[in-house]
N, C-alpha and C. Protein backbone atom coordinates (compact mmCIF):
# COMPACT_ATOMS: atom_id res chain seq x y z
N MET A 1 45.91 89.52 42.93
CA MET A 1 45.04 89.10 44.03
C MET A 1 45.69 87.98 44.86
N ASP A 2 46.32 87.03 44.15
CA ASP A 2 47.01 85.95 44.86
C ASP A 2 48.10 86.50 45.77
N GLN A 3 48.79 87.52 45.26
CA GLN A 3 49.85 88.15 46.06
C GLN A 3 49.28 88.76 47.33
N PHE A 4 48.13 89.42 47.21
CA PHE A 4 47.48 90.06 48.36
C PHE A 4 47.13 89.02 49.43
N PHE A 5 46.55 87.89 48.99
CA PHE A 5 46.16 86.85 49.94
C PHE A 5 47.38 86.19 50.57
N ASN A 6 48.46 86.04 49.80
CA ASN A 6 49.69 85.48 50.33
C ASN A 6 50.28 86.38 51.40
N VAL A 7 50.32 87.69 51.10
CA VAL A 7 50.84 88.65 52.07
C VAL A 7 49.98 88.67 53.32
N THR A 8 48.65 88.68 53.13
CA THR A 8 47.73 88.70 54.27
C THR A 8 47.92 87.49 55.17
N ASN A 9 48.06 86.32 54.57
CA ASN A 9 48.26 85.09 55.36
C ASN A 9 49.56 85.14 56.16
N GLN A 10 50.62 85.64 55.52
CA GLN A 10 51.90 85.75 56.21
C GLN A 10 51.84 86.75 57.36
N LEU A 11 51.19 87.87 57.11
CA LEU A 11 51.07 88.89 58.16
C LEU A 11 50.18 88.40 59.30
N LEU A 12 49.13 87.64 58.97
CA LEU A 12 48.26 87.08 60.02
C LEU A 12 49.05 86.12 60.91
N GLU A 13 49.91 85.31 60.28
CA GLU A 13 50.75 84.41 61.07
C GLU A 13 51.68 85.20 61.99
N GLY A 14 52.24 86.27 61.45
CA GLY A 14 53.11 87.12 62.27
C GLY A 14 52.34 87.80 63.38
N PHE A 15 51.13 88.25 63.07
CA PHE A 15 50.32 88.94 64.08
C PHE A 15 49.88 87.97 65.18
N GLY A 16 49.84 86.69 64.84
CA GLY A 16 49.55 85.68 65.87
C GLY A 16 50.62 85.70 66.96
N GLN A 17 51.86 85.93 66.57
CA GLN A 17 52.96 86.05 67.55
C GLN A 17 52.76 87.29 68.43
N ASN A 18 52.35 88.40 67.80
CA ASN A 18 52.08 89.62 68.57
C ASN A 18 50.97 89.38 69.58
N CYS A 19 49.91 88.70 69.14
CA CYS A 19 48.76 88.44 70.01
C CYS A 19 49.15 87.51 71.16
N PHE A 20 50.01 86.55 70.87
CA PHE A 20 50.47 85.63 71.93
C PHE A 20 51.25 86.40 72.99
N ILE A 21 52.19 87.23 72.55
CA ILE A 21 52.97 88.04 73.50
C ILE A 21 52.06 88.95 74.31
N PHE A 22 51.10 89.57 73.63
CA PHE A 22 50.16 90.47 74.29
C PHE A 22 49.35 89.74 75.35
N GLY A 23 48.77 88.61 74.98
CA GLY A 23 47.89 87.88 75.90
C GLY A 23 48.61 87.36 77.12
N VAL A 24 49.76 86.71 76.91
CA VAL A 24 50.51 86.14 78.03
C VAL A 24 51.05 87.25 78.94
N THR A 25 51.53 88.33 78.34
CA THR A 25 52.02 89.46 79.13
C THR A 25 50.93 90.03 80.01
N LEU A 26 49.76 90.22 79.44
CA LEU A 26 48.64 90.81 80.19
C LEU A 26 48.24 89.90 81.35
N LEU A 27 48.10 88.61 81.08
CA LEU A 27 47.67 87.66 82.11
C LEU A 27 48.66 87.58 83.27
N ALA A 28 49.95 87.68 82.97
CA ALA A 28 50.97 87.54 84.01
C ALA A 28 51.34 88.88 84.66
N ALA A 29 51.38 89.95 83.87
CA ALA A 29 51.86 91.24 84.39
C ALA A 29 50.85 91.92 85.32
N LEU A 30 49.56 91.69 85.10
CA LEU A 30 48.55 92.34 85.97
C LEU A 30 48.66 91.85 87.42
N PRO A 31 48.59 90.53 87.68
CA PRO A 31 48.73 90.10 89.08
C PRO A 31 50.12 90.38 89.65
N LEU A 32 51.17 90.24 88.82
CA LEU A 32 52.52 90.54 89.30
C LEU A 32 52.65 92.02 89.63
N GLY A 33 52.06 92.87 88.81
CA GLY A 33 52.08 94.30 89.08
C GLY A 33 51.39 94.65 90.38
N LEU A 34 50.28 93.96 90.68
CA LEU A 34 49.57 94.19 91.94
C LEU A 34 50.44 93.80 93.12
N LEU A 35 51.14 92.67 93.01
CA LEU A 35 52.03 92.24 94.08
C LEU A 35 53.17 93.24 94.30
N ILE A 36 53.72 93.73 93.20
CA ILE A 36 54.82 94.70 93.31
C ILE A 36 54.32 96.00 93.94
N SER A 37 53.10 96.40 93.58
CA SER A 37 52.54 97.63 94.15
C SER A 37 52.34 97.49 95.66
N LEU A 38 51.90 96.31 96.09
CA LEU A 38 51.74 96.06 97.52
C LEU A 38 53.10 96.08 98.21
N GLY A 39 54.12 95.56 97.52
CA GLY A 39 55.47 95.61 98.07
C GLY A 39 55.98 97.02 98.19
N SER A 40 55.69 97.86 97.19
CA SER A 40 56.16 99.25 97.22
C SER A 40 55.44 100.08 98.26
N MET A 41 54.29 99.59 98.75
CA MET A 41 53.56 100.29 99.82
C MET A 41 53.76 99.62 101.18
N SER A 42 54.59 98.59 101.21
CA SER A 42 54.80 97.84 102.44
C SER A 42 55.42 98.71 103.55
N ARG A 43 55.04 98.38 104.78
CA ARG A 43 55.63 99.08 105.92
C ARG A 43 56.99 98.48 106.29
N PHE A 44 57.30 97.33 105.71
CA PHE A 44 58.60 96.69 105.94
C PHE A 44 59.60 97.30 104.97
N ALA A 45 60.50 98.10 105.50
CA ALA A 45 61.41 98.93 104.69
C ALA A 45 62.19 98.16 103.62
N PRO A 46 62.80 97.00 103.92
CA PRO A 46 63.56 96.29 102.88
C PRO A 46 62.70 95.88 101.69
N VAL A 47 61.49 95.39 101.95
CA VAL A 47 60.58 95.00 100.86
C VAL A 47 60.21 96.21 100.03
N LYS A 48 59.90 97.30 100.70
CA LYS A 48 59.54 98.53 100.01
C LYS A 48 60.69 99.04 99.14
N ALA A 49 61.91 98.99 99.69
CA ALA A 49 63.09 99.46 98.96
C ALA A 49 63.36 98.60 97.72
N VAL A 50 63.24 97.29 97.88
CA VAL A 50 63.49 96.38 96.75
C VAL A 50 62.45 96.61 95.65
N ALA A 51 61.18 96.71 96.03
CA ALA A 51 60.10 96.90 95.05
C ALA A 51 60.27 98.21 94.30
N ARG A 52 60.56 99.28 95.03
CA ARG A 52 60.68 100.59 94.38
C ARG A 52 61.95 100.69 93.53
N THR A 53 63.03 100.03 93.95
CA THR A 53 64.26 100.02 93.15
C THR A 53 64.02 99.25 91.85
N PHE A 54 63.33 98.13 91.96
CA PHE A 54 63.00 97.33 90.78
C PHE A 54 62.20 98.17 89.77
N VAL A 55 61.17 98.84 90.27
CA VAL A 55 60.32 99.66 89.39
C VAL A 55 61.14 100.79 88.76
N TRP A 56 62.01 101.40 89.54
CA TRP A 56 62.84 102.50 89.04
C TRP A 56 63.76 102.04 87.91
N ILE A 57 64.38 100.87 88.09
CA ILE A 57 65.29 100.34 87.06
C ILE A 57 64.53 99.98 85.79
N ILE A 58 63.43 99.29 85.93
CA ILE A 58 62.66 98.84 84.77
C ILE A 58 62.06 100.01 84.01
N ARG A 59 61.51 100.97 84.72
CA ARG A 59 60.91 102.13 84.06
C ARG A 59 61.95 103.07 83.47
N GLY A 60 63.18 102.98 83.98
CA GLY A 60 64.23 103.88 83.53
C GLY A 60 65.09 103.36 82.40
N THR A 61 64.84 102.11 81.97
CA THR A 61 65.62 101.53 80.87
C THR A 61 64.68 101.11 79.74
N PRO A 62 65.16 101.11 78.50
CA PRO A 62 64.31 100.77 77.36
C PRO A 62 63.88 99.30 77.36
N LEU A 63 62.67 99.06 76.91
CA LEU A 63 62.17 97.69 76.79
C LEU A 63 63.05 96.87 75.85
N MET A 64 63.53 97.50 74.78
CA MET A 64 64.38 96.79 73.83
C MET A 64 65.64 96.26 74.52
N LEU A 65 66.24 97.07 75.38
CA LEU A 65 67.42 96.64 76.12
C LEU A 65 67.08 95.47 77.04
N GLN A 66 65.93 95.53 77.67
CA GLN A 66 65.51 94.45 78.58
C GLN A 66 65.31 93.14 77.82
N ILE A 67 64.80 93.21 76.59
CA ILE A 67 64.65 92.01 75.77
C ILE A 67 66.02 91.41 75.47
N PHE A 68 66.97 92.27 75.11
CA PHE A 68 68.34 91.79 74.85
C PHE A 68 68.94 91.14 76.10
N VAL A 69 68.74 91.78 77.25
CA VAL A 69 69.31 91.26 78.50
C VAL A 69 68.74 89.88 78.82
N VAL A 70 67.43 89.73 78.72
CA VAL A 70 66.79 88.45 79.04
C VAL A 70 67.26 87.36 78.08
N PHE A 71 67.46 87.71 76.82
CA PHE A 71 67.82 86.71 75.81
C PHE A 71 69.31 86.36 75.82
N TYR A 72 70.18 87.39 76.00
CA TYR A 72 71.61 87.16 75.86
C TYR A 72 72.38 86.95 77.16
N VAL A 73 71.93 87.56 78.26
CA VAL A 73 72.70 87.49 79.51
C VAL A 73 72.73 86.09 80.12
N PRO A 74 71.60 85.36 80.25
CA PRO A 74 71.67 84.02 80.86
C PRO A 74 72.67 83.08 80.21
N PRO A 75 72.72 82.96 78.86
CA PRO A 75 73.72 82.04 78.27
C PRO A 75 75.15 82.55 78.40
N LEU A 76 75.35 83.88 78.34
CA LEU A 76 76.70 84.43 78.40
C LEU A 76 77.29 84.39 79.81
N MET A 77 76.44 84.62 80.81
CA MET A 77 76.94 84.70 82.19
C MET A 77 76.74 83.42 82.99
N PHE A 78 75.67 82.68 82.71
CA PHE A 78 75.36 81.52 83.53
C PHE A 78 75.32 80.21 82.74
N GLY A 79 75.51 80.30 81.42
CA GLY A 79 75.48 79.10 80.60
C GLY A 79 74.09 78.51 80.43
N VAL A 80 73.09 79.29 80.74
CA VAL A 80 71.70 78.83 80.62
C VAL A 80 71.08 79.49 79.40
N ARG A 81 70.70 78.69 78.44
CA ARG A 81 70.16 79.23 77.20
C ARG A 81 68.64 79.06 77.15
N ILE A 82 67.94 80.15 76.83
CA ILE A 82 66.50 80.07 76.64
C ILE A 82 66.26 79.58 75.22
N LYS A 83 65.73 78.36 75.10
CA LYS A 83 65.64 77.71 73.79
C LYS A 83 64.69 78.45 72.84
N GLU A 84 63.56 78.90 73.35
CA GLU A 84 62.57 79.57 72.51
C GLU A 84 62.71 81.09 72.64
N ARG A 85 62.93 81.76 71.54
CA ARG A 85 63.07 83.21 71.56
C ARG A 85 61.80 83.89 72.07
N ILE A 86 60.65 83.32 71.73
CA ILE A 86 59.38 83.91 72.14
C ILE A 86 59.25 83.92 73.66
N ILE A 87 59.83 82.90 74.33
CA ILE A 87 59.80 82.84 75.79
C ILE A 87 60.61 83.99 76.39
N ALA A 88 61.78 84.24 75.81
CA ALA A 88 62.63 85.35 76.28
C ALA A 88 61.90 86.68 76.13
N ALA A 89 61.23 86.86 74.99
CA ALA A 89 60.49 88.10 74.75
C ALA A 89 59.36 88.25 75.76
N VAL A 90 58.63 87.18 76.01
CA VAL A 90 57.50 87.23 76.95
C VAL A 90 57.98 87.56 78.35
N ILE A 91 59.08 86.96 78.78
CA ILE A 91 59.62 87.24 80.11
C ILE A 91 59.96 88.73 80.24
N ALA A 92 60.63 89.27 79.22
CA ALA A 92 61.00 90.69 79.24
C ALA A 92 59.76 91.58 79.28
N PHE A 93 58.75 91.24 78.50
CA PHE A 93 57.52 92.04 78.47
C PHE A 93 56.79 91.98 79.81
N ILE A 94 56.73 90.80 80.40
CA ILE A 94 56.05 90.66 81.70
C ILE A 94 56.73 91.51 82.76
N ILE A 95 58.06 91.43 82.83
CA ILE A 95 58.81 92.21 83.81
C ILE A 95 58.58 93.70 83.59
N ASN A 96 58.67 94.14 82.33
CA ASN A 96 58.52 95.56 82.02
C ASN A 96 57.13 96.07 82.38
N TYR A 97 56.11 95.37 81.92
CA TYR A 97 54.75 95.88 82.13
C TYR A 97 54.26 95.68 83.56
N ALA A 98 54.79 94.70 84.27
CA ALA A 98 54.45 94.55 85.68
C ALA A 98 54.89 95.79 86.46
N ALA A 99 56.06 96.33 86.10
CA ALA A 99 56.56 97.54 86.77
C ALA A 99 55.64 98.73 86.51
N TYR A 100 55.22 98.90 85.26
CA TYR A 100 54.33 100.01 84.93
C TYR A 100 52.95 99.83 85.56
N PHE A 101 52.42 98.61 85.50
CA PHE A 101 51.11 98.35 86.09
C PHE A 101 51.14 98.57 87.59
N SER A 102 52.27 98.24 88.23
CA SER A 102 52.37 98.39 89.69
C SER A 102 52.19 99.84 90.11
N GLU A 103 52.73 100.77 89.32
CA GLU A 103 52.59 102.18 89.64
C GLU A 103 51.14 102.65 89.46
N ILE A 104 50.46 102.08 88.48
CA ILE A 104 49.04 102.42 88.27
C ILE A 104 48.21 101.89 89.44
N PHE A 105 48.48 100.65 89.84
CA PHE A 105 47.78 100.07 90.99
C PHE A 105 48.04 100.89 92.26
N ARG A 106 49.31 101.25 92.46
CA ARG A 106 49.68 102.00 93.66
C ARG A 106 48.96 103.35 93.71
N GLY A 107 48.93 104.03 92.56
CA GLY A 107 48.23 105.32 92.51
C GLY A 107 46.75 105.17 92.79
N GLY A 108 46.14 104.10 92.26
CA GLY A 108 44.72 103.88 92.49
C GLY A 108 44.41 103.58 93.94
N ILE A 109 45.24 102.74 94.57
CA ILE A 109 45.00 102.36 95.96
C ILE A 109 45.26 103.53 96.90
N GLU A 110 46.35 104.25 96.67
CA GLU A 110 46.67 105.38 97.55
C GLU A 110 45.72 106.55 97.36
N GLY A 111 44.98 106.55 96.24
CA GLY A 111 44.04 107.63 95.97
C GLY A 111 42.72 107.50 96.72
N ILE A 112 42.49 106.36 97.34
CA ILE A 112 41.25 106.16 98.10
C ILE A 112 41.38 106.89 99.44
N PRO A 113 40.42 107.75 99.78
CA PRO A 113 40.49 108.50 101.05
C PRO A 113 40.60 107.58 102.26
N LYS A 114 41.45 107.93 103.21
CA LYS A 114 41.64 107.11 104.40
C LYS A 114 40.36 106.98 105.23
N GLY A 115 39.49 107.98 105.08
CA GLY A 115 38.23 107.96 105.82
C GLY A 115 37.40 106.73 105.51
N GLN A 116 37.53 106.20 104.29
CA GLN A 116 36.74 105.03 103.92
C GLN A 116 37.25 103.79 104.64
N TYR A 117 38.55 103.73 104.85
CA TYR A 117 39.11 102.61 105.63
C TYR A 117 38.64 102.71 107.08
N GLU A 118 38.72 103.92 107.61
CA GLU A 118 38.32 104.14 109.00
C GLU A 118 36.85 103.83 109.22
N ALA A 119 36.02 104.19 108.22
CA ALA A 119 34.59 103.89 108.33
C ALA A 119 34.36 102.38 108.34
N GLY A 120 35.14 101.67 107.56
CA GLY A 120 35.02 100.21 107.53
C GLY A 120 35.39 99.59 108.86
N TYR A 121 36.46 100.12 109.49
CA TYR A 121 36.87 99.59 110.79
C TYR A 121 35.79 99.86 111.84
N VAL A 122 35.16 101.04 111.78
CA VAL A 122 34.09 101.40 112.72
C VAL A 122 32.93 100.42 112.59
N LEU A 123 32.67 99.97 111.36
CA LEU A 123 31.58 99.03 111.11
C LEU A 123 31.96 97.59 111.46
N GLY A 124 33.19 97.41 111.91
CA GLY A 124 33.62 96.08 112.33
C GLY A 124 34.13 95.20 111.21
N MET A 125 34.49 95.80 110.07
CA MET A 125 34.97 95.03 108.93
C MET A 125 36.47 94.76 109.08
N THR A 126 36.91 93.63 108.53
CA THR A 126 38.33 93.30 108.54
C THR A 126 39.02 94.03 107.38
N LYS A 127 40.36 93.99 107.36
CA LYS A 127 41.11 94.64 106.28
C LYS A 127 40.74 94.07 104.92
N SER A 128 40.62 92.75 104.83
CA SER A 128 40.29 92.12 103.55
C SER A 128 38.87 92.48 103.11
N GLN A 129 37.93 92.55 104.05
CA GLN A 129 36.55 92.93 103.72
C GLN A 129 36.49 94.37 103.23
N ILE A 130 37.24 95.24 103.86
CA ILE A 130 37.27 96.65 103.43
C ILE A 130 37.83 96.75 102.02
N PHE A 131 38.91 96.00 101.78
CA PHE A 131 39.54 96.08 100.46
C PHE A 131 38.62 95.57 99.36
N PHE A 132 38.01 94.40 99.56
CA PHE A 132 37.21 93.79 98.50
C PHE A 132 35.81 94.38 98.39
N LYS A 133 35.23 94.82 99.48
CA LYS A 133 33.85 95.31 99.44
C LYS A 133 33.73 96.83 99.31
N VAL A 134 34.76 97.55 99.75
CA VAL A 134 34.69 99.01 99.74
C VAL A 134 35.67 99.64 98.74
N VAL A 135 36.90 99.17 98.76
CA VAL A 135 37.98 99.83 98.02
C VAL A 135 38.13 99.35 96.58
N LEU A 136 38.05 98.03 96.38
CA LEU A 136 38.45 97.43 95.10
C LEU A 136 37.79 98.05 93.88
N MET A 137 36.46 98.15 93.87
CA MET A 137 35.78 98.66 92.68
C MET A 137 36.09 100.14 92.43
N GLN A 138 36.34 100.88 93.51
CA GLN A 138 36.73 102.28 93.34
C GLN A 138 38.13 102.38 92.73
N VAL A 139 39.01 101.46 93.13
CA VAL A 139 40.36 101.42 92.56
C VAL A 139 40.27 101.08 91.08
N VAL A 140 39.44 100.08 90.74
CA VAL A 140 39.27 99.67 89.35
C VAL A 140 38.80 100.85 88.51
N LYS A 141 37.83 101.61 89.02
CA LYS A 141 37.32 102.77 88.28
C LYS A 141 38.41 103.80 88.05
N ARG A 142 39.24 104.02 89.07
CA ARG A 142 40.30 105.02 88.97
C ARG A 142 41.40 104.63 87.98
N ILE A 143 41.64 103.33 87.85
CA ILE A 143 42.78 102.91 87.02
C ILE A 143 42.39 102.50 85.61
N VAL A 144 41.10 102.48 85.28
CA VAL A 144 40.69 102.03 83.94
C VAL A 144 41.36 102.87 82.85
N ALA A 145 41.32 104.20 82.98
CA ALA A 145 41.88 105.07 81.93
C ALA A 145 43.39 104.89 81.77
N PRO A 146 44.18 105.03 82.87
CA PRO A 146 45.63 104.84 82.70
C PRO A 146 46.00 103.42 82.30
N MET A 147 45.25 102.43 82.80
CA MET A 147 45.53 101.05 82.45
C MET A 147 45.25 100.80 80.97
N SER A 148 44.18 101.39 80.47
CA SER A 148 43.84 101.21 79.05
C SER A 148 44.95 101.79 78.16
N ASN A 149 45.53 102.92 78.57
CA ASN A 149 46.63 103.50 77.80
C ASN A 149 47.83 102.56 77.74
N GLU A 150 48.16 101.97 78.90
CA GLU A 150 49.31 101.06 78.94
C GLU A 150 49.05 99.80 78.13
N ILE A 151 47.83 99.29 78.20
CA ILE A 151 47.51 98.05 77.48
C ILE A 151 47.54 98.28 75.97
N ILE A 152 47.05 99.43 75.53
CA ILE A 152 47.11 99.76 74.10
C ILE A 152 48.56 99.96 73.66
N THR A 153 49.37 100.55 74.53
CA THR A 153 50.80 100.68 74.24
C THR A 153 51.45 99.31 74.12
N LEU A 154 51.01 98.37 74.97
CA LEU A 154 51.53 97.01 74.92
C LEU A 154 51.29 96.37 73.55
N VAL A 155 50.10 96.60 72.98
CA VAL A 155 49.79 96.05 71.66
C VAL A 155 50.86 96.46 70.65
N LYS A 156 51.20 97.74 70.66
CA LYS A 156 52.17 98.26 69.69
C LYS A 156 53.60 97.85 70.05
N ASP A 157 53.89 97.75 71.34
CA ASP A 157 55.24 97.38 71.76
C ASP A 157 55.60 95.94 71.40
N THR A 158 54.60 95.09 71.19
CA THR A 158 54.90 93.70 70.84
C THR A 158 55.76 93.60 69.59
N SER A 159 55.73 94.64 68.76
CA SER A 159 56.55 94.63 67.54
C SER A 159 58.04 94.68 67.85
N LEU A 160 58.39 95.06 69.10
CA LEU A 160 59.81 95.09 69.47
C LEU A 160 60.42 93.69 69.56
N ALA A 161 59.57 92.68 69.60
CA ALA A 161 60.07 91.30 69.66
C ALA A 161 60.92 90.96 68.45
N ARG A 162 60.77 91.73 67.39
CA ARG A 162 61.53 91.47 66.17
C ARG A 162 63.04 91.64 66.38
N VAL A 163 63.45 92.35 67.44
CA VAL A 163 64.89 92.61 67.65
C VAL A 163 65.66 91.33 67.96
N ILE A 164 64.94 90.27 68.40
CA ILE A 164 65.62 88.99 68.60
C ILE A 164 65.09 87.97 67.59
N ALA A 165 64.71 88.51 66.42
CA ALA A 165 64.35 87.68 65.25
C ALA A 165 63.09 86.85 65.43
N ILE A 166 62.16 87.32 66.25
CA ILE A 166 60.86 86.65 66.34
C ILE A 166 60.02 87.08 65.14
N PRO A 167 59.43 86.15 64.40
CA PRO A 167 58.71 86.51 63.17
C PRO A 167 57.33 87.11 63.43
N GLU A 168 57.32 88.24 64.15
CA GLU A 168 56.04 88.93 64.38
C GLU A 168 55.67 89.71 63.11
N ILE A 169 54.60 90.44 63.13
CA ILE A 169 54.03 91.01 61.91
C ILE A 169 54.97 91.98 61.19
N LEU A 170 55.67 92.84 61.92
CA LEU A 170 56.57 93.78 61.26
C LEU A 170 57.80 93.07 60.67
N LYS A 171 58.22 92.01 61.33
CA LYS A 171 59.35 91.22 60.80
C LYS A 171 58.94 90.57 59.48
N GLU A 172 57.71 90.07 59.43
CA GLU A 172 57.20 89.47 58.19
C GLU A 172 57.09 90.53 57.10
N ALA A 173 56.60 91.72 57.45
CA ALA A 173 56.47 92.81 56.47
C ALA A 173 57.84 93.24 55.96
N GLU A 174 58.82 93.24 56.85
CA GLU A 174 60.19 93.61 56.46
C GLU A 174 60.74 92.60 55.45
N ASN A 175 60.41 91.33 55.65
CA ASN A 175 60.86 90.30 54.70
C ASN A 175 60.30 90.57 53.30
N PHE A 176 59.04 91.03 53.24
CA PHE A 176 58.44 91.37 51.94
C PHE A 176 59.12 92.59 51.32
N SER A 177 59.50 93.55 52.19
CA SER A 177 60.17 94.75 51.67
C SER A 177 61.51 94.41 51.03
N LYS A 178 62.17 93.36 51.54
CA LYS A 178 63.44 92.92 50.96
C LYS A 178 63.23 92.31 49.57
N GLN A 179 61.98 91.91 49.31
CA GLN A 179 61.64 91.36 47.99
C GLN A 179 61.12 92.44 47.05
N GLY A 180 61.14 93.70 47.52
CA GLY A 180 60.70 94.81 46.68
C GLY A 180 59.27 95.23 46.89
N LEU A 181 58.59 94.65 47.92
CA LEU A 181 57.20 95.02 48.22
C LEU A 181 57.17 95.92 49.44
N ILE A 182 56.79 97.18 49.25
CA ILE A 182 56.77 98.15 50.35
C ILE A 182 55.40 98.19 51.04
N TRP A 183 54.33 98.00 50.25
CA TRP A 183 52.98 98.18 50.81
C TRP A 183 52.65 97.28 52.00
N PRO A 184 53.23 96.07 52.15
CA PRO A 184 52.93 95.28 53.35
C PRO A 184 53.31 95.98 54.65
N LEU A 185 54.36 96.83 54.60
CA LEU A 185 54.74 97.57 55.81
C LEU A 185 53.61 98.48 56.27
N PHE A 186 52.96 99.15 55.31
CA PHE A 186 51.84 100.03 55.65
C PHE A 186 50.59 99.22 56.01
N TYR A 187 50.47 98.06 55.39
CA TYR A 187 49.32 97.18 55.63
C TYR A 187 49.28 96.72 57.08
N THR A 188 50.46 96.57 57.70
CA THR A 188 50.50 96.13 59.10
C THR A 188 49.77 97.11 60.01
N GLY A 189 49.73 98.38 59.59
CA GLY A 189 49.03 99.39 60.40
C GLY A 189 47.57 99.05 60.59
N ALA A 190 46.95 98.41 59.58
CA ALA A 190 45.53 98.06 59.67
C ALA A 190 45.29 97.06 60.80
N PHE A 191 46.22 96.11 60.96
CA PHE A 191 46.08 95.10 62.01
C PHE A 191 46.11 95.76 63.39
N PHE A 192 47.08 96.66 63.60
CA PHE A 192 47.20 97.33 64.88
C PHE A 192 46.03 98.28 65.13
N LEU A 193 45.61 98.98 64.09
CA LEU A 193 44.49 99.92 64.25
C LEU A 193 43.20 99.20 64.64
N ILE A 194 42.93 98.07 64.01
CA ILE A 194 41.71 97.31 64.32
C ILE A 194 41.77 96.77 65.74
N PHE A 195 42.91 96.19 66.11
CA PHE A 195 43.07 95.63 67.46
C PHE A 195 42.92 96.72 68.52
N CYS A 196 43.62 97.83 68.33
CA CYS A 196 43.55 98.93 69.29
C CYS A 196 42.16 99.55 69.32
N GLY A 197 41.49 99.59 68.15
CA GLY A 197 40.14 100.14 68.09
C GLY A 197 39.17 99.30 68.90
N VAL A 198 39.29 97.98 68.80
CA VAL A 198 38.42 97.09 69.58
C VAL A 198 38.68 97.27 71.08
N LEU A 199 39.95 97.35 71.46
CA LEU A 199 40.29 97.56 72.87
C LEU A 199 39.75 98.89 73.39
N THR A 200 39.85 99.93 72.57
CA THR A 200 39.34 101.25 72.96
C THR A 200 37.85 101.19 73.25
N ILE A 201 37.09 100.52 72.38
CA ILE A 201 35.65 100.37 72.58
C ILE A 201 35.36 99.62 73.87
N LEU A 202 36.09 98.53 74.11
CA LEU A 202 35.87 97.73 75.32
C LEU A 202 36.16 98.54 76.59
N PHE A 203 37.23 99.34 76.56
CA PHE A 203 37.56 100.15 77.73
C PHE A 203 36.54 101.26 77.96
N ARG A 204 35.99 101.83 76.89
CA ARG A 204 34.95 102.84 77.05
C ARG A 204 33.70 102.24 77.66
N LEU A 205 33.36 101.03 77.26
CA LEU A 205 32.22 100.33 77.83
C LEU A 205 32.46 100.06 79.32
N ALA A 206 33.70 99.67 79.64
CA ALA A 206 34.05 99.41 81.04
C ALA A 206 33.94 100.68 81.88
N GLU A 207 34.39 101.81 81.32
CA GLU A 207 34.29 103.07 82.05
C GLU A 207 32.84 103.45 82.31
N LYS A 208 31.97 103.24 81.32
CA LYS A 208 30.55 103.53 81.50
C LYS A 208 29.93 102.61 82.55
N LYS A 209 30.35 101.34 82.52
CA LYS A 209 29.83 100.36 83.46
C LYS A 209 30.19 100.74 84.89
N LEU A 210 31.37 101.33 85.07
CA LEU A 210 31.85 101.69 86.40
C LEU A 210 31.50 103.12 86.79
N ASP A 211 30.72 103.79 85.98
CA ASP A 211 30.44 105.20 86.18
C ASP A 211 29.68 105.50 87.47
N TYR A 212 28.96 104.51 87.98
CA TYR A 212 28.18 104.78 89.19
C TYR A 212 29.04 104.76 90.44
N TYR A 213 30.32 104.36 90.29
CA TYR A 213 31.25 104.47 91.43
C TYR A 213 31.85 105.87 91.41
N LYS A 214 31.44 106.68 92.32
CA LYS A 214 31.85 108.09 92.32
C LYS A 214 33.07 108.35 93.20
N GLY A 215 33.61 107.28 93.79
CA GLY A 215 34.75 107.45 94.70
C GLY A 215 36.00 107.84 93.99
């Protein structure tokens, strides 16, 4: 029993790292993703080209590679060392998920019929009024499902932080396996299942809440 509690405490400490990466990534990547999506829809060709090239590169390369690049390239090429490994991981996660979120935002915004914008202009509304009063909640309804998939994927992807020796939950479980204990590796699944289960329930409630938006 003492062994079980010891393993649980160690895994909880590791899962705290996963939760930190998840929370900071979500808070930063959502607004950054919206900005990138606006850039990718810009009428100014250079901004549009830069935004879409950025998204293409990030979506076309593995997250693990991006973590390595953020952690190893600055000190090797510019002599700038990121002191905290967790900071390097968070930066890589924010960049990666901002690119994916931007495409979800873009799809949601472009999916709104142009007639709704035109109707807003006829009523004398400004662009910002049309966006916040007419478009925004319809966009939110459209992106809840794809966004929920990406966010749940983010929960599981946080385990990739172990590649730069961050002591997240799987890294802690691996340490136990080196001591001859295999079951902690399977035990980590319970942490992810519970976290993802709670998120799934919350997203279903959000979908029901937004159900009256038929746009």
